[in-house]
C-alpha cells in the first residue's frame, strides 16, 4: 500500500488514521508500567548533544545512543537489567497494522518509546541500526498532534509534512524503508496527556 502526500503516491508508506485509537488508554497504561521499570531518559548523541525527546524501550533489546554511537543493547544501560518484555497488546497492534499496510508476517522484537514534551523534535534521520531492512517500521502516535516529516533517500531532500493525531499509525517499508524522516517541534494542544508518545516497532536483531 502507499500514502498520498501532496498528490504523489509514495510506495512503501501507509498511513492508518485512528488505527490505534481504541487501545489508547490501555497502551498509555502499559507505557507507564514499562517506564516504572526502565525510566525515560534523554540520550546523549555521539557528537555530545542530547536528543530532545525522552526515550525508553521494551522487547528483546533497546536502542541506545551515547558517545560510542547508535546501537541496540539487550540490557538497559541504567539498570544493567534486561529491558521490559514487550506486552502482548503491543505485539498484536504492530502485527495488525503491518498486515493492514501490506506487510504480513511482521513480528517485531523491539519497541522504542519516545516521549515528546511541547517543543521537542526529532531531526531527519534514517533507521539504519536494525539487522533486517526487509521488515517495516510501524509507528504509533498517542497524545498531542504532531507533524511527521517525510523526506527522501538523502538528508538534503525536501521533507513533506504529514499531520498525525492520537491513534494514528504510519507504516513504511520496502522501497521506503530507508527514507529520511523526523518530527517537527511539538506544539501544545488540548489532548489530556499534554505530551506525545510515539512507539516504533522494528525487527532489530
N, C-alpha and C. Protein backbone atom coordinates (compact mmCIF):
# COMPACT_ATOMS: atom_id res chain seq x y z
N UNK A 1 0.84 -1.19 0.00
CA UNK A 1 0.00 0.00 0.00
C UNK A 1 0.88 1.25 0.00
N UNK A 2 0.28 2.40 -0.27
CA UNK A 2 1.04 3.64 -0.29
C UNK A 2 0.18 4.78 0.18
N UNK A 3 0.83 5.81 0.71
CA UNK A 3 0.14 7.02 1.12
C UNK A 3 0.29 8.06 0.03
N UNK A 4 -0.63 9.00 0.00
CA UNK A 4 -0.56 10.10 -0.95
C UNK A 4 -0.17 11.36 -0.20
N UNK A 5 0.98 11.93 -0.53
CA UNK A 5 1.44 13.17 0.07
C UNK A 5 1.48 14.23 -1.01
N UNK A 6 0.67 15.28 -0.85
CA UNK A 6 0.60 16.37 -1.83
C UNK A 6 0.33 15.83 -3.23
N UNK A 7 -0.54 14.81 -3.28
CA UNK A 7 -0.95 14.28 -4.56
C UNK A 7 0.00 13.30 -5.19
N UNK A 8 1.07 12.93 -4.51
CA UNK A 8 2.06 12.00 -5.05
C UNK A 8 2.01 10.68 -4.29
N UNK A 9 1.84 9.59 -5.01
CA UNK A 9 1.85 8.28 -4.37
C UNK A 9 3.25 7.95 -3.87
N UNK A 10 3.34 7.42 -2.65
CA UNK A 10 4.61 7.09 -2.04
C UNK A 10 4.66 5.59 -1.75
N UNK A 11 5.20 4.78 -2.66
CA UNK A 11 5.23 3.33 -2.46
C UNK A 11 5.97 2.95 -1.17
N UNK A 12 5.39 2.03 -0.44
CA UNK A 12 6.00 1.55 0.79
C UNK A 12 5.60 2.31 2.03
N UNK A 13 4.89 3.43 1.87
CA UNK A 13 4.44 4.24 3.00
C UNK A 13 2.93 4.13 3.12
N UNK A 14 2.44 3.85 4.32
CA UNK A 14 1.00 3.70 4.52
C UNK A 14 0.59 4.40 5.81
N UNK A 15 -0.40 5.27 5.74
CA UNK A 15 -0.96 5.92 6.92
C UNK A 15 -2.28 5.25 7.27
N UNK A 16 -2.44 4.92 8.55
CA UNK A 16 -3.66 4.28 9.05
C UNK A 16 -4.29 5.20 10.10
N UNK A 17 -5.10 6.15 9.68
CA UNK A 17 -5.68 7.11 10.64
C UNK A 17 -6.55 6.42 11.69
N UNK A 18 -6.29 6.74 12.96
CA UNK A 18 -7.11 6.23 14.05
C UNK A 18 -6.99 4.75 14.33
N UNK A 19 -6.01 4.08 13.72
CA UNK A 19 -5.92 2.61 13.83
C UNK A 19 -5.77 2.15 15.28
N UNK A 20 -5.05 2.92 16.11
CA UNK A 20 -4.78 2.50 17.49
C UNK A 20 -5.65 3.23 18.51
N UNK A 21 -6.62 4.03 18.05
CA UNK A 21 -7.36 4.89 18.97
C UNK A 21 -8.12 4.09 20.02
N UNK A 22 -8.68 2.96 19.66
CA UNK A 22 -9.45 2.17 20.61
C UNK A 22 -8.60 1.63 21.75
N UNK A 23 -7.29 1.55 21.51
CA UNK A 23 -6.38 1.00 22.53
C UNK A 23 -5.59 2.09 23.25
N UNK A 24 -5.94 3.35 23.05
CA UNK A 24 -5.14 4.45 23.57
C UNK A 24 -4.91 4.33 25.07
N UNK A 25 -5.97 4.19 25.86
CA UNK A 25 -5.82 4.16 27.32
C UNK A 25 -5.01 2.95 27.78
N UNK A 26 -5.25 1.80 27.16
CA UNK A 26 -4.52 0.59 27.55
C UNK A 26 -3.04 0.71 27.23
N UNK A 27 -2.72 1.27 26.06
CA UNK A 27 -1.32 1.41 25.69
C UNK A 27 -0.62 2.42 26.59
N UNK A 28 -1.29 3.51 26.92
CA UNK A 28 -0.69 4.51 27.81
C UNK A 28 -0.41 3.90 29.18
N UNK A 29 -1.34 3.08 29.68
CA UNK A 29 -1.11 2.43 30.97
C UNK A 29 0.08 1.49 30.91
N UNK A 30 0.23 0.78 29.81
CA UNK A 30 1.36 -0.13 29.67
C UNK A 30 2.68 0.64 29.55
N UNK A 31 2.64 1.80 28.90
CA UNK A 31 3.85 2.63 28.84
C UNK A 31 4.27 3.03 30.25
N UNK A 32 3.30 3.37 31.10
CA UNK A 32 3.62 3.73 32.48
C UNK A 32 4.28 2.58 33.23
N UNK A 33 3.80 1.36 33.01
CA UNK A 33 4.40 0.19 33.66
C UNK A 33 5.81 -0.05 33.15
N UNK A 34 6.03 0.13 31.86
CA UNK A 34 7.37 -0.05 31.29
C UNK A 34 8.32 0.99 31.86
N UNK A 35 7.87 2.26 31.92
CA UNK A 35 8.72 3.33 32.42
C UNK A 35 9.03 3.19 33.91
N UNK A 36 8.16 2.51 34.65
CA UNK A 36 8.45 2.27 36.07
C UNK A 36 9.65 1.33 36.22
N UNK A 37 9.86 0.47 35.24
CA UNK A 37 10.98 -0.47 35.28
C UNK A 37 12.20 0.08 34.55
N UNK A 38 11.96 0.76 33.44
CA UNK A 38 13.04 1.34 32.62
C UNK A 38 12.68 2.80 32.36
N UNK A 39 13.07 3.72 33.24
CA UNK A 39 12.61 5.11 33.16
C UNK A 39 12.99 5.79 31.84
N UNK A 40 12.17 6.75 31.46
CA UNK A 40 12.51 7.59 30.33
C UNK A 40 13.79 8.36 30.63
N UNK A 41 14.58 8.57 29.58
CA UNK A 41 15.80 9.33 29.72
C UNK A 41 16.10 10.05 28.40
N UNK A 42 16.80 11.19 28.46
CA UNK A 42 17.22 11.88 27.24
C UNK A 42 18.65 11.43 26.94
N UNK A 43 18.82 10.82 25.78
CA UNK A 43 20.10 10.19 25.47
C UNK A 43 21.09 11.15 24.85
N UNK A 44 22.36 10.90 25.11
CA UNK A 44 23.46 11.66 24.55
C UNK A 44 23.73 11.16 23.13
N UNK A 45 24.01 12.09 22.23
CA UNK A 45 24.36 11.71 20.86
C UNK A 45 25.88 11.50 20.76
N UNK A 46 26.33 10.81 19.72
CA UNK A 46 27.79 10.63 19.57
C UNK A 46 28.55 11.95 19.52
N UNK A 47 27.90 13.01 19.04
CA UNK A 47 28.55 14.31 18.95
C UNK A 47 28.54 15.12 20.23
N UNK A 48 27.89 14.60 21.27
CA UNK A 48 27.87 15.27 22.56
C UNK A 48 26.61 16.04 22.87
N UNK A 49 25.67 16.13 21.93
CA UNK A 49 24.40 16.78 22.19
C UNK A 49 23.44 15.82 22.87
N UNK A 50 22.23 16.30 23.08
CA UNK A 50 21.19 15.45 23.66
C UNK A 50 19.95 15.47 22.79
N UNK A 51 19.32 14.32 22.66
CA UNK A 51 18.05 14.25 21.96
C UNK A 51 17.00 14.98 22.78
N UNK A 52 16.10 15.71 22.13
CA UNK A 52 15.11 16.49 22.88
C UNK A 52 13.94 15.63 23.35
N UNK A 53 13.70 14.51 22.70
CA UNK A 53 12.66 13.59 23.15
C UNK A 53 13.26 12.58 24.12
N UNK A 54 12.54 12.31 25.21
CA UNK A 54 12.98 11.28 26.15
C UNK A 54 12.59 9.90 25.61
N UNK A 55 13.33 8.87 26.00
CA UNK A 55 13.13 7.56 25.41
C UNK A 55 13.27 6.44 26.43
N UNK A 56 12.52 5.36 26.18
CA UNK A 56 12.75 4.08 26.82
C UNK A 56 12.45 3.00 25.80
N UNK A 57 12.59 1.74 26.18
CA UNK A 57 12.41 0.63 25.24
C UNK A 57 11.75 -0.55 25.93
N UNK A 58 11.20 -1.43 25.13
CA UNK A 58 10.78 -2.74 25.62
C UNK A 58 11.01 -3.75 24.50
N UNK A 59 11.08 -5.02 24.89
CA UNK A 59 11.34 -6.07 23.92
C UNK A 59 12.66 -6.76 24.18
N UNK A 60 13.17 -7.45 23.18
CA UNK A 60 14.38 -8.24 23.34
C UNK A 60 15.64 -7.40 23.43
N UNK A 61 15.56 -6.15 23.00
CA UNK A 61 16.70 -5.23 23.07
C UNK A 61 16.14 -3.81 23.10
N UNK A 62 17.03 -2.84 23.32
CA UNK A 62 16.63 -1.45 23.31
C UNK A 62 17.63 -0.62 22.53
N UNK A 63 17.13 0.41 21.86
CA UNK A 63 18.00 1.31 21.11
C UNK A 63 18.62 2.30 22.09
N UNK A 64 19.93 2.48 22.00
CA UNK A 64 20.64 3.41 22.88
C UNK A 64 21.57 4.28 22.05
N UNK A 65 21.89 5.44 22.62
CA UNK A 65 22.81 6.38 21.97
C UNK A 65 23.69 7.01 23.02
N UNK A 66 25.00 7.09 22.73
CA UNK A 66 25.93 7.77 23.61
C UNK A 66 27.18 8.12 22.79
N UNK A 67 28.25 8.46 23.46
CA UNK A 67 29.48 8.84 22.75
C UNK A 67 30.01 7.72 21.86
N UNK A 68 29.63 6.48 22.17
CA UNK A 68 30.12 5.33 21.39
C UNK A 68 29.29 5.08 20.14
N UNK A 69 28.19 5.78 20.00
CA UNK A 69 27.38 5.64 18.79
C UNK A 69 25.98 5.14 19.05
N UNK A 70 25.28 4.83 17.95
CA UNK A 70 23.91 4.33 17.99
C UNK A 70 23.93 2.81 17.86
N UNK A 71 23.10 2.13 18.65
CA UNK A 71 23.12 0.67 18.61
C UNK A 71 21.96 0.12 19.43
N UNK A 72 21.75 -1.19 19.30
CA UNK A 72 20.81 -1.91 20.16
C UNK A 72 21.59 -2.68 21.21
N UNK A 73 21.07 -2.67 22.43
CA UNK A 73 21.65 -3.45 23.52
C UNK A 73 20.55 -4.24 24.21
N UNK A 74 20.90 -5.43 24.63
CA UNK A 74 19.91 -6.30 25.27
C UNK A 74 19.61 -5.91 26.71
N UNK A 75 20.45 -5.11 27.32
CA UNK A 75 20.21 -4.68 28.69
C UNK A 75 20.15 -3.16 28.75
N UNK A 76 19.40 -2.65 29.71
CA UNK A 76 19.26 -1.22 29.94
C UNK A 76 20.56 -0.70 30.56
N UNK A 77 21.22 0.27 29.93
CA UNK A 77 22.48 0.78 30.49
C UNK A 77 22.33 1.38 31.89
N UNK A 78 21.12 1.82 32.25
CA UNK A 78 20.93 2.41 33.57
C UNK A 78 20.86 1.36 34.67
N UNK A 79 20.16 0.27 34.39
CA UNK A 79 19.94 -0.75 35.42
C UNK A 79 20.80 -1.99 35.24
N UNK A 80 21.35 -2.16 34.05
CA UNK A 80 22.10 -3.38 33.68
C UNK A 80 21.20 -4.62 33.71
N UNK A 81 19.90 -4.41 33.65
CA UNK A 81 18.93 -5.49 33.59
C UNK A 81 18.30 -5.54 32.20
N UNK A 82 17.72 -6.69 31.82
CA UNK A 82 17.04 -6.74 30.52
C UNK A 82 15.94 -5.69 30.44
N UNK A 83 15.69 -5.21 29.24
CA UNK A 83 14.58 -4.29 29.04
C UNK A 83 13.26 -4.99 29.36
N UNK A 84 12.23 -4.26 29.73
CA UNK A 84 10.93 -4.90 29.97
C UNK A 84 10.46 -5.68 28.75
N UNK A 85 9.75 -6.77 29.00
CA UNK A 85 9.21 -7.55 27.89
C UNK A 85 8.17 -6.73 27.13
N UNK A 86 8.04 -7.00 25.84
CA UNK A 86 7.04 -6.31 25.05
C UNK A 86 5.66 -6.86 25.36
N UNK A 87 4.72 -6.02 25.77
CA UNK A 87 3.37 -6.50 26.08
C UNK A 87 2.70 -7.13 24.85
N UNK A 88 1.84 -8.09 25.13
CA UNK A 88 1.13 -8.76 24.04
C UNK A 88 0.30 -7.80 23.20
N UNK A 89 -0.32 -6.81 23.85
CA UNK A 89 -1.10 -5.83 23.10
C UNK A 89 -0.24 -5.07 22.11
N UNK A 90 0.99 -4.74 22.50
CA UNK A 90 1.91 -4.05 21.59
C UNK A 90 2.19 -4.92 20.36
N UNK A 91 2.51 -6.18 20.62
CA UNK A 91 2.80 -7.11 19.51
C UNK A 91 1.63 -7.20 18.55
N UNK A 92 0.44 -7.40 19.11
CA UNK A 92 -0.75 -7.56 18.27
C UNK A 92 -1.05 -6.31 17.46
N UNK A 93 -0.94 -5.15 18.11
CA UNK A 93 -1.19 -3.89 17.42
C UNK A 93 -0.23 -3.70 16.26
N UNK A 94 1.06 -3.94 16.49
CA UNK A 94 2.06 -3.77 15.44
C UNK A 94 1.86 -4.76 14.30
N UNK A 95 1.58 -6.00 14.64
CA UNK A 95 1.38 -7.02 13.60
C UNK A 95 0.15 -6.70 12.75
N UNK A 96 -0.94 -6.30 13.40
CA UNK A 96 -2.16 -5.99 12.66
C UNK A 96 -1.98 -4.77 11.76
N UNK A 97 -1.27 -3.76 12.27
CA UNK A 97 -1.03 -2.57 11.46
C UNK A 97 -0.17 -2.91 10.25
N UNK A 98 0.88 -3.69 10.47
CA UNK A 98 1.76 -4.07 9.35
C UNK A 98 0.99 -4.87 8.31
N UNK A 99 0.16 -5.77 8.77
CA UNK A 99 -0.64 -6.58 7.84
C UNK A 99 -1.58 -5.69 7.02
N UNK A 100 -2.24 -4.75 7.70
CA UNK A 100 -3.15 -3.84 7.02
C UNK A 100 -2.41 -3.00 5.98
N UNK A 101 -1.15 -2.69 6.27
CA UNK A 101 -0.35 -1.85 5.37
C UNK A 101 0.31 -2.64 4.25
N UNK A 102 0.12 -3.95 4.23
CA UNK A 102 0.68 -4.75 3.15
C UNK A 102 1.99 -5.43 3.49
N UNK A 103 2.27 -5.58 4.81
CA UNK A 103 3.49 -6.26 5.25
C UNK A 103 3.11 -7.41 6.18
N UNK A 104 2.52 -8.49 5.65
CA UNK A 104 2.11 -9.60 6.50
C UNK A 104 3.31 -10.33 7.09
N UNK A 105 3.09 -10.95 8.24
CA UNK A 105 4.15 -11.75 8.86
C UNK A 105 5.15 -10.96 9.67
N UNK A 106 4.93 -9.66 9.85
CA UNK A 106 5.85 -8.85 10.64
C UNK A 106 5.77 -9.24 12.12
N UNK A 107 6.92 -9.54 12.70
CA UNK A 107 7.00 -9.86 14.13
C UNK A 107 8.08 -8.98 14.75
N UNK A 108 7.70 -7.89 15.40
CA UNK A 108 8.71 -7.00 15.98
C UNK A 108 9.40 -7.64 17.17
N UNK A 109 10.68 -7.35 17.33
CA UNK A 109 11.38 -7.82 18.54
C UNK A 109 11.74 -6.67 19.47
N UNK A 110 11.61 -5.42 19.01
CA UNK A 110 11.87 -4.28 19.88
C UNK A 110 10.81 -3.21 19.66
N UNK A 111 10.61 -2.39 20.68
CA UNK A 111 9.72 -1.24 20.59
C UNK A 111 10.41 -0.06 21.26
N UNK A 112 10.69 0.98 20.47
CA UNK A 112 11.24 2.22 21.01
C UNK A 112 10.07 3.13 21.39
N UNK A 113 10.11 3.71 22.58
CA UNK A 113 9.05 4.58 23.04
C UNK A 113 9.64 5.97 23.28
N UNK A 114 9.22 6.93 22.47
CA UNK A 114 9.67 8.31 22.63
C UNK A 114 8.59 9.13 23.32
N UNK A 115 9.01 10.01 24.21
CA UNK A 115 8.08 10.93 24.89
C UNK A 115 8.46 12.35 24.49
N UNK A 116 7.57 13.01 23.79
CA UNK A 116 7.78 14.37 23.32
C UNK A 116 6.99 15.35 24.18
N UNK A 117 7.69 16.24 24.87
CA UNK A 117 7.06 17.37 25.51
C UNK A 117 6.94 18.49 24.47
N UNK A 118 6.04 19.47 24.67
CA UNK A 118 5.97 20.57 23.71
C UNK A 118 7.35 21.19 23.49
N UNK A 119 7.68 21.41 22.24
CA UNK A 119 8.99 21.94 21.87
C UNK A 119 9.98 20.87 21.44
N UNK A 120 9.76 19.63 21.85
CA UNK A 120 10.67 18.55 21.47
C UNK A 120 10.49 18.21 19.99
N UNK A 121 11.54 17.70 19.38
CA UNK A 121 11.51 17.38 17.96
C UNK A 121 12.43 16.19 17.69
N UNK A 122 12.42 15.74 16.45
CA UNK A 122 13.34 14.69 16.00
C UNK A 122 13.85 15.08 14.62
N UNK A 123 15.14 15.28 14.51
CA UNK A 123 15.73 15.68 13.23
C UNK A 123 15.57 14.57 12.20
N UNK A 124 15.64 14.95 10.93
CA UNK A 124 15.56 13.96 9.87
C UNK A 124 16.66 12.92 10.03
N UNK A 125 16.28 11.66 9.93
CA UNK A 125 17.24 10.57 10.13
C UNK A 125 16.72 9.33 9.42
N UNK A 126 17.58 8.35 9.25
CA UNK A 126 17.21 7.04 8.76
C UNK A 126 17.28 6.05 9.91
N UNK A 127 16.44 5.02 9.85
CA UNK A 127 16.53 3.92 10.82
C UNK A 127 17.43 2.85 10.19
N UNK A 128 18.71 2.91 10.56
CA UNK A 128 19.71 2.05 9.91
C UNK A 128 20.39 1.07 10.87
N UNK A 129 19.97 1.05 12.14
CA UNK A 129 20.68 0.23 13.13
C UNK A 129 20.10 -1.17 13.26
N UNK A 130 19.06 -1.47 12.48
CA UNK A 130 18.42 -2.77 12.55
C UNK A 130 19.13 -3.78 11.66
N UNK A 131 19.04 -5.05 12.03
CA UNK A 131 19.69 -6.10 11.25
C UNK A 131 18.89 -6.47 10.01
N UNK A 132 17.58 -6.22 10.02
CA UNK A 132 16.70 -6.69 8.95
C UNK A 132 15.97 -5.51 8.30
N UNK A 133 16.46 -5.06 7.15
CA UNK A 133 15.82 -3.96 6.45
C UNK A 133 14.63 -4.42 5.61
N UNK A 134 14.40 -5.74 5.54
CA UNK A 134 13.23 -6.21 4.80
C UNK A 134 11.96 -6.05 5.63
N UNK A 135 12.10 -5.88 6.94
CA UNK A 135 10.93 -5.69 7.82
C UNK A 135 10.57 -4.21 7.86
N UNK A 136 9.29 -3.90 7.97
CA UNK A 136 8.87 -2.49 8.01
C UNK A 136 9.09 -1.87 9.39
N UNK A 137 8.87 -0.57 9.44
CA UNK A 137 8.77 0.17 10.70
C UNK A 137 7.30 0.47 10.93
N UNK A 138 6.81 0.21 12.13
CA UNK A 138 5.44 0.55 12.50
C UNK A 138 5.49 1.61 13.58
N UNK A 139 4.90 2.78 13.31
CA UNK A 139 4.98 3.93 14.21
C UNK A 139 3.58 4.31 14.69
N UNK A 140 3.39 4.31 16.01
CA UNK A 140 2.09 4.61 16.63
C UNK A 140 2.17 5.94 17.37
N UNK A 141 1.25 6.83 17.11
CA UNK A 141 1.20 8.14 17.76
C UNK A 141 0.07 8.19 18.79
N UNK A 142 0.37 8.70 19.98
CA UNK A 142 -0.63 8.87 21.03
C UNK A 142 -0.42 10.22 21.69
N UNK A 143 -1.52 10.90 22.01
CA UNK A 143 -1.41 12.18 22.71
C UNK A 143 -1.51 13.35 21.76
N UNK A 144 -0.69 14.37 21.98
CA UNK A 144 -0.74 15.59 21.20
C UNK A 144 -0.51 15.33 19.70
N UNK A 145 -1.17 16.12 18.89
CA UNK A 145 -0.96 16.03 17.45
C UNK A 145 0.47 16.43 17.11
N UNK A 146 1.00 15.82 16.05
CA UNK A 146 2.37 16.08 15.64
C UNK A 146 2.43 16.24 14.12
N UNK A 147 3.53 16.79 13.65
CA UNK A 147 3.78 16.89 12.21
C UNK A 147 4.93 15.96 11.86
N UNK A 148 4.61 14.92 11.12
CA UNK A 148 5.58 13.93 10.68
C UNK A 148 6.27 14.46 9.43
N UNK A 149 7.58 14.47 9.44
CA UNK A 149 8.36 14.96 8.31
C UNK A 149 8.85 13.76 7.49
N UNK A 150 8.47 13.73 6.24
CA UNK A 150 8.81 12.61 5.36
C UNK A 150 9.71 13.13 4.25
N UNK A 151 10.98 12.76 4.29
CA UNK A 151 11.96 13.27 3.36
C UNK A 151 12.17 12.38 2.16
N UNK A 152 13.43 12.06 1.89
CA UNK A 152 13.76 11.25 0.73
C UNK A 152 14.94 10.36 1.02
N UNK A 153 15.65 9.90 0.00
CA UNK A 153 16.77 8.98 0.21
C UNK A 153 18.01 9.67 0.77
N UNK A 154 18.03 11.01 0.75
CA UNK A 154 19.15 11.75 1.33
C UNK A 154 18.61 12.79 2.31
N UNK A 155 19.46 13.23 3.21
CA UNK A 155 19.05 14.22 4.19
C UNK A 155 18.69 15.56 3.53
N UNK A 156 19.27 15.81 2.36
CA UNK A 156 19.05 17.09 1.69
C UNK A 156 17.69 17.16 1.00
N UNK A 157 17.03 16.03 0.81
CA UNK A 157 15.74 16.03 0.12
C UNK A 157 14.70 16.82 0.92
N UNK A 158 13.88 17.57 0.23
CA UNK A 158 12.86 18.36 0.90
C UNK A 158 11.85 17.46 1.57
N UNK A 159 11.53 17.74 2.84
CA UNK A 159 10.60 16.92 3.59
C UNK A 159 9.17 17.41 3.40
N UNK A 160 8.26 16.46 3.21
CA UNK A 160 6.84 16.75 3.18
C UNK A 160 6.28 16.60 4.59
N UNK A 161 5.14 17.23 4.83
CA UNK A 161 4.56 17.25 6.17
C UNK A 161 3.27 16.45 6.21
N UNK A 162 3.20 15.54 7.18
CA UNK A 162 2.03 14.68 7.33
C UNK A 162 1.49 14.84 8.75
N UNK A 163 0.31 15.45 8.94
CA UNK A 163 -0.25 15.61 10.29
C UNK A 163 -0.60 14.26 10.90
N UNK A 164 -0.26 14.08 12.16
CA UNK A 164 -0.58 12.85 12.88
C UNK A 164 -1.34 13.19 14.15
N UNK A 165 -2.40 12.42 14.41
CA UNK A 165 -3.23 12.63 15.58
C UNK A 165 -3.21 11.38 16.46
N UNK A 166 -3.70 11.53 17.67
CA UNK A 166 -3.65 10.41 18.61
C UNK A 166 -4.39 9.19 18.05
N UNK A 167 -3.69 8.06 18.04
CA UNK A 167 -4.25 6.84 17.49
C UNK A 167 -3.85 6.55 16.07
N UNK A 168 -3.24 7.53 15.39
CA UNK A 168 -2.78 7.29 14.01
C UNK A 168 -1.56 6.37 14.01
N UNK A 169 -1.47 5.57 12.97
CA UNK A 169 -0.33 4.67 12.77
C UNK A 169 0.23 4.91 11.38
N UNK A 170 1.55 4.96 11.28
CA UNK A 170 2.23 5.06 9.99
C UNK A 170 3.16 3.85 9.86
N UNK A 171 3.12 3.22 8.71
CA UNK A 171 3.96 2.05 8.44
C UNK A 171 4.77 2.34 7.17
N UNK A 172 6.07 2.06 7.21
CA UNK A 172 6.87 2.20 5.99
C UNK A 172 7.86 1.05 5.89
N UNK A 173 8.07 0.62 4.67
CA UNK A 173 8.98 -0.49 4.43
C UNK A 173 9.21 -0.63 2.93
N UNK A 174 9.82 -1.73 2.52
CA UNK A 174 10.09 -1.93 1.10
C UNK A 174 10.92 -0.79 0.54
N UNK A 175 10.49 -0.17 -0.56
CA UNK A 175 11.28 0.91 -1.17
C UNK A 175 11.37 2.16 -0.31
N UNK A 176 10.52 2.26 0.72
CA UNK A 176 10.53 3.44 1.59
C UNK A 176 11.28 3.20 2.89
N UNK A 177 11.82 2.00 3.07
CA UNK A 177 12.36 1.61 4.38
C UNK A 177 13.44 2.56 4.91
N UNK A 178 14.30 3.07 4.05
CA UNK A 178 15.42 3.91 4.49
C UNK A 178 15.20 5.40 4.19
N UNK A 179 13.96 5.79 4.05
CA UNK A 179 13.64 7.20 3.82
C UNK A 179 13.96 8.02 5.07
N UNK A 180 14.54 9.19 4.87
CA UNK A 180 14.77 10.11 5.99
C UNK A 180 13.42 10.64 6.49
N UNK A 181 13.28 10.71 7.81
CA UNK A 181 12.02 11.14 8.41
C UNK A 181 12.31 11.78 9.76
N UNK A 182 11.34 12.50 10.29
CA UNK A 182 11.53 13.16 11.58
C UNK A 182 10.21 13.72 12.10
N UNK A 183 10.31 14.52 13.16
CA UNK A 183 9.15 15.15 13.77
C UNK A 183 9.45 16.63 13.96
N UNK A 184 8.55 17.50 13.48
CA UNK A 184 8.70 18.94 13.69
C UNK A 184 8.50 19.25 15.17
N UNK A 185 9.02 20.39 15.65
CA UNK A 185 8.83 20.75 17.07
C UNK A 185 7.36 20.62 17.48
N UNK A 186 7.13 19.89 18.56
CA UNK A 186 5.78 19.60 19.02
C UNK A 186 5.12 20.86 19.58
N UNK A 187 3.88 21.09 19.18
CA UNK A 187 3.14 22.25 19.68
C UNK A 187 2.20 21.82 20.80
N UNK A 188 1.93 22.71 21.77
CA UNK A 188 0.93 22.40 22.80
C UNK A 188 -0.43 22.17 22.15
N UNK A 189 -1.30 21.46 22.85
CA UNK A 189 -2.62 21.19 22.31
C UNK A 189 -3.58 20.75 23.39
N UNK A 190 -4.82 20.40 23.01
CA UNK A 190 -5.85 20.12 24.00
C UNK A 190 -5.88 18.69 24.53
N UNK A 191 -5.03 17.80 24.02
CA UNK A 191 -5.11 16.41 24.47
C UNK A 191 -4.80 16.30 25.96
N UNK A 192 -5.51 15.42 26.64
CA UNK A 192 -5.39 15.29 28.10
C UNK A 192 -3.97 14.94 28.56
N UNK A 193 -3.21 14.28 27.71
CA UNK A 193 -1.85 13.90 28.10
C UNK A 193 -0.93 15.11 28.23
N UNK A 194 -1.13 16.09 27.37
CA UNK A 194 -0.25 17.25 27.36
C UNK A 194 1.12 16.96 26.77
N UNK A 195 1.27 15.80 26.15
CA UNK A 195 2.53 15.39 25.52
C UNK A 195 2.20 14.36 24.45
N UNK A 196 3.24 13.88 23.78
CA UNK A 196 3.05 12.86 22.75
C UNK A 196 3.93 11.67 23.03
N UNK A 197 3.34 10.48 22.93
CA UNK A 197 4.09 9.25 22.93
C UNK A 197 4.16 8.73 21.50
N UNK A 198 5.32 8.23 21.12
CA UNK A 198 5.49 7.58 19.83
C UNK A 198 6.13 6.23 20.06
N UNK A 199 5.46 5.19 19.63
CA UNK A 199 6.00 3.83 19.73
C UNK A 199 6.40 3.39 18.34
N UNK A 200 7.65 2.97 18.17
CA UNK A 200 8.08 2.44 16.88
C UNK A 200 8.53 1.00 17.06
N UNK A 201 7.92 0.15 16.27
CA UNK A 201 8.17 -1.28 16.34
C UNK A 201 9.09 -1.67 15.19
N UNK A 202 10.11 -2.47 15.50
CA UNK A 202 11.12 -2.83 14.50
C UNK A 202 11.52 -4.31 14.64
N UNK A 203 12.13 -4.80 13.62
CA UNK A 203 12.82 -6.09 13.65
C UNK A 203 14.30 -5.75 13.67
N UNK A 204 14.89 -5.77 14.86
CA UNK A 204 16.23 -5.20 15.04
C UNK A 204 17.35 -6.22 15.14
N UNK A 205 17.06 -7.41 15.64
CA UNK A 205 18.13 -8.37 15.95
C UNK A 205 18.28 -9.43 14.87
